[in-house]
Amino acid sequence: MLIADRGAIIFQMGKVARRGEGPAFADALKRWDVPILGIVEALRTAEAGDMIWLDRRTLLAGRSFRTNAAGLEALKALLEPEGIQVIPVPLPYFNGPQDVLHLMSLVSLLDDDLALIYRQLIPVPLFELLYQRNIQLVDVPDEEYASLGCNVLAMSPRNLLMTRGNPITRSRLEAAGCRVSEFDGREICIPGSGGPTCLTRPLLRW
């Protein structure tokens, strides 16, 4: 799911094995009194790993094997009446549909003007957009991409959480003025290629 200002958007997951997660979230949110803005379902698929808030009124949305064109159109229909621009970002084929490539596999927004990227897979229009917005880019080295060096959670601006074992990325983040905390992700993260951004879901935007 994705949290917007007026409530959650529940997704039909692109990965078939995860199809029950959206309805389970919907049931839980009702019990927690979290409003639901809308539901993306049927043949429309979307996953929150493909969604990045560039600012309060701009959502980057990856077009991937997990988020299809119909899912993006449904997302636009829900958010554009709220004054939110949804910018589609086509993702590369990389290792194909069996992989877990999301937009957040390529970029982590760390502050209004700072992003961590894996430059080799960044689509050109996204690179140009980040450059036009004067967002400073920190690069993940090739040798730390597979160990989830690009998957970094901003708990607040420049206050970061990442998996242990990516020393080059960490040093570059600290040089950019970030405070970095680490955890051991060998068991919970590496086997499923899911770092801290994948393992969390904020329920409140402010």
Protein backbone atom coordinates (compact mmCIF):
# COMPACT_ATOMS: atom_id res chain seq x y z
CA MET A 1 0.00 0.00 0.00
CA LEU A 2 0.90 3.67 -0.30
CA ILE A 3 0.05 6.35 2.24
CA ALA A 4 -1.24 9.65 0.84
CA ASP A 5 -2.44 12.67 2.79
CA ARG A 6 -6.09 11.55 2.85
CA GLY A 7 -5.51 7.85 3.38
CA ALA A 8 -4.02 4.62 2.11
CA ILE A 9 -4.11 3.26 -1.42
CA ILE A 10 -4.32 -0.53 -1.39
CA PHE A 11 -2.52 -2.35 -4.19
CA GLN A 12 -2.98 -5.57 -6.10
CA MET A 13 0.55 -6.93 -5.95
CA GLY A 14 2.31 -7.73 -9.20
CA LYS A 15 3.98 -10.79 -7.73
CA VAL A 16 1.36 -13.55 -7.65
CA ALA A 17 2.68 -15.09 -4.42
CA ARG A 18 1.94 -11.77 -2.64
CA ARG A 19 -1.62 -11.22 -3.92
CA GLY A 20 -3.18 -11.58 -0.45
CA GLU A 21 -1.24 -8.72 1.12
CA GLY A 22 -3.44 -5.90 -0.17
CA PRO A 23 -6.71 -7.26 1.25
CA ALA A 24 -4.95 -8.13 4.52
CA PHE A 25 -3.72 -4.54 4.81
CA ALA A 26 -7.20 -3.22 4.04
CA ASP A 27 -8.67 -5.26 6.91
CA ALA A 28 -5.95 -4.13 9.30
CA LEU A 29 -6.29 -0.46 8.38
CA LYS A 30 -10.01 -0.53 9.06
CA ARG A 31 -9.32 -1.88 12.55
CA TRP A 32 -6.69 0.83 13.09
CA ASP A 33 -9.04 3.59 11.85
CA VAL A 34 -6.69 4.49 9.01
CA PRO A 35 -8.79 5.85 6.09
CA ILE A 36 -8.56 4.16 2.69
CA LEU A 37 -8.40 6.53 -0.27
CA GLY A 38 -8.79 3.84 -2.91
CA ILE A 39 -7.96 0.36 -4.14
CA VAL A 40 -5.99 -0.73 -7.21
CA GLU A 41 -7.23 -4.20 -8.10
CA ALA A 42 -8.38 -6.67 -10.78
CA LEU A 43 -5.92 -6.69 -13.71
CA ARG A 44 -4.25 -3.53 -12.41
CA THR A 45 -1.09 -4.16 -10.40
CA ALA A 46 1.13 -1.84 -8.39
CA GLU A 47 3.71 -2.21 -5.64
CA ALA A 48 4.85 0.47 -3.22
CA GLY A 49 8.49 -0.41 -3.86
CA ASP A 50 7.97 1.37 -7.17
CA MET A 51 6.73 4.58 -5.48
CA ILE A 52 8.91 7.45 -4.25
CA TRP A 53 7.61 10.79 -2.96
CA LEU A 54 9.83 13.40 -4.59
CA ASP A 55 7.96 16.07 -2.64
CA ARG A 56 4.49 16.43 -1.14
CA ARG A 57 2.89 16.95 -4.56
CA THR A 58 5.06 14.74 -6.77
CA LEU A 59 5.13 10.94 -6.80
CA LEU A 60 7.61 8.99 -8.87
CA ALA A 61 5.99 5.71 -9.97
CA GLY A 62 8.06 2.95 -11.56
CA ARG A 63 6.62 1.10 -14.54
CA SER A 64 8.03 -2.34 -13.89
CA PHE A 65 7.17 -6.03 -14.03
CA ARG A 66 5.46 -5.44 -10.65
CA THR A 67 3.59 -2.23 -11.53
CA ASN A 68 1.78 -2.39 -14.87
CA ALA A 69 0.43 0.41 -17.08
CA ALA A 70 -3.14 -0.12 -15.89
CA GLY A 71 -1.99 0.11 -12.29
CA LEU A 72 -0.27 3.42 -12.98
CA GLU A 73 -3.41 4.80 -14.61
CA ALA A 74 -5.47 3.75 -11.59
CA LEU A 75 -2.95 5.41 -9.28
CA LYS A 76 -3.10 8.62 -11.31
CA ALA A 77 -6.91 8.61 -11.18
CA LEU A 78 -6.77 8.44 -7.38
CA LEU A 79 -4.02 11.00 -6.79
CA GLU A 80 -4.40 13.66 -9.47
CA PRO A 81 -7.73 14.91 -8.00
CA GLU A 82 -5.72 15.40 -4.78
CA GLY A 83 -3.38 17.77 -6.63
CA ILE A 84 -0.59 15.19 -6.84
CA GLN A 85 1.41 14.71 -10.02
CA VAL A 86 2.30 11.09 -10.77
CA ILE A 87 5.44 10.80 -12.91
CA PRO A 88 5.88 7.36 -14.56
CA VAL A 89 9.45 6.04 -14.54
CA PRO A 90 10.11 3.12 -16.94
CA LEU A 91 12.41 0.59 -15.29
CA PRO A 92 15.07 -1.49 -17.10
CA TYR A 93 14.61 -5.17 -17.87
CA PHE A 94 17.74 -6.06 -15.83
CA ASN A 95 17.33 -9.73 -14.77
CA GLY A 96 13.76 -10.07 -16.00
CA PRO A 97 10.35 -10.69 -14.40
CA GLN A 98 11.65 -13.23 -11.92
CA ASP A 99 13.74 -10.52 -10.25
CA VAL A 100 12.57 -8.16 -7.49
CA LEU A 101 13.64 -4.93 -9.20
CA HIS A 102 11.65 -1.93 -7.98
CA LEU A 103 12.19 1.78 -8.45
CA MET A 104 13.55 1.84 -4.89
CA SER A 105 16.12 -0.74 -5.98
CA LEU A 106 17.73 2.07 -7.98
CA VAL A 107 17.23 5.20 -5.89
CA SER A 108 16.65 6.11 -2.23
CA LEU A 109 15.59 9.66 -1.45
CA LEU A 110 17.45 10.80 1.67
CA ASP A 111 16.44 14.47 1.91
CA ASP A 112 14.73 17.08 -0.25
CA ASP A 113 18.01 17.64 -2.04
CA LEU A 114 19.88 14.35 -1.64
CA ALA A 115 19.45 10.92 -3.23
CA LEU A 116 21.39 7.67 -3.26
CA ILE A 117 21.45 6.04 -6.71
CA TYR A 118 22.81 3.08 -8.62
CA ARG A 119 23.72 5.08 -11.73
CA GLN A 120 24.15 2.12 -14.10
CA LEU A 121 20.42 1.28 -13.94
CA ILE A 122 18.91 4.76 -13.54
CA PRO A 123 16.62 5.64 -16.49
CA VAL A 124 17.82 8.74 -18.32
CA PRO A 125 14.57 10.75 -17.77
CA LEU A 126 14.81 10.12 -14.02
CA PHE A 127 18.47 11.16 -13.93
CA GLU A 128 17.58 14.34 -15.81
CA LEU A 129 14.68 15.09 -13.44
CA LEU A 130 16.88 14.70 -10.36
CA TYR A 131 19.54 16.91 -11.96
CA GLN A 132 16.99 19.58 -12.90
CA ARG A 133 15.79 19.68 -9.31
CA ASN A 134 19.35 20.22 -8.07
CA ILE A 135 19.27 16.98 -6.07
CA GLN A 136 22.77 15.90 -5.03
CA LEU A 137 23.46 12.32 -6.09
CA VAL A 138 25.50 9.83 -4.07
CA ASP A 139 26.61 6.77 -6.06
CA VAL A 140 26.51 3.16 -4.90
CA PRO A 141 29.59 1.30 -6.21
CA ASP A 142 29.12 -1.80 -8.36
CA GLU A 143 30.49 -4.11 -5.68
CA GLU A 144 27.87 -2.98 -3.11
CA TYR A 145 24.73 -3.06 -5.24
CA ALA A 146 23.96 -6.77 -4.69
CA SER A 147 24.44 -6.34 -0.94
CA LEU A 148 21.60 -3.75 -0.93
CA GLY A 149 23.85 -0.73 -0.74
CA CYS A 150 21.21 1.28 -2.62
CA ASN A 151 18.37 0.30 -0.27
CA VAL A 152 18.67 2.91 2.48
CA LEU A 153 15.83 4.13 4.70
CA ALA A 154 15.63 7.80 5.67
CA MET A 155 14.01 7.80 9.12
CA SER A 156 14.21 11.59 8.93
CA PRO A 157 16.21 13.83 6.57
CA ARG A 158 19.81 12.51 6.41
CA ASN A 159 19.20 10.21 9.38
CA LEU A 160 19.62 6.83 7.71
CA LEU A 161 19.36 3.10 8.29
CA MET A 162 21.17 0.63 6.04
CA THR A 163 22.34 -2.97 6.01
CA ARG A 164 25.81 -3.66 7.36
CA GLY A 165 28.49 -4.59 4.85
CA ASN A 166 28.49 -1.59 2.49
CA PRO A 167 31.41 0.50 3.77
CA ILE A 168 32.02 2.52 0.60
CA THR A 169 28.39 3.58 0.38
CA ARG A 170 28.34 4.42 4.07
CA SER A 171 31.46 6.58 3.81
CA ARG A 172 30.00 8.46 0.85
CA LEU A 173 26.75 9.08 2.74
CA GLU A 174 28.62 10.36 5.78
CA ALA A 175 30.68 12.64 3.53
CA ALA A 176 27.37 14.06 2.29
CA GLY A 177 26.43 14.97 5.86
CA CYS A 178 24.30 11.96 6.78
CA ARG A 179 24.12 10.10 10.07
CA VAL A 180 24.13 6.37 9.33
CA SER A 181 22.99 3.45 11.50
CA GLU A 182 23.47 -0.16 10.42
CA PHE A 183 21.91 -3.54 11.14
CA ASP A 184 22.83 -7.09 10.22
CA GLY A 185 20.64 -8.03 7.26
CA ARG A 186 22.26 -11.32 6.31
CA GLU A 187 19.22 -13.40 7.33
CA ILE A 188 16.26 -11.07 6.87
CA CYS A 189 17.38 -8.95 3.89
CA ILE A 190 19.92 -10.55 1.58
CA PRO A 191 18.02 -13.83 0.81
CA GLY A 192 14.96 -11.93 -0.42
CA SER A 193 16.77 -8.85 -1.77
CA GLY A 194 14.74 -6.64 0.57
CA GLY A 195 16.45 -3.90 2.53
CA PRO A 196 15.08 -1.51 5.16
CA THR A 197 12.89 0.45 2.75
CA CYS A 198 11.24 -2.85 1.72
CA LEU A 199 10.72 -3.96 5.32
CA THR A 200 8.88 -0.84 6.48
CA ARG A 201 5.62 0.90 5.62
CA PRO A 202 5.01 4.36 7.12
CA LEU A 203 1.40 4.91 8.20
CA LEU A 204 1.58 8.68 8.61
CA ARG A 205 2.77 11.49 6.35
CA TRP A 206 3.63 14.94 7.71
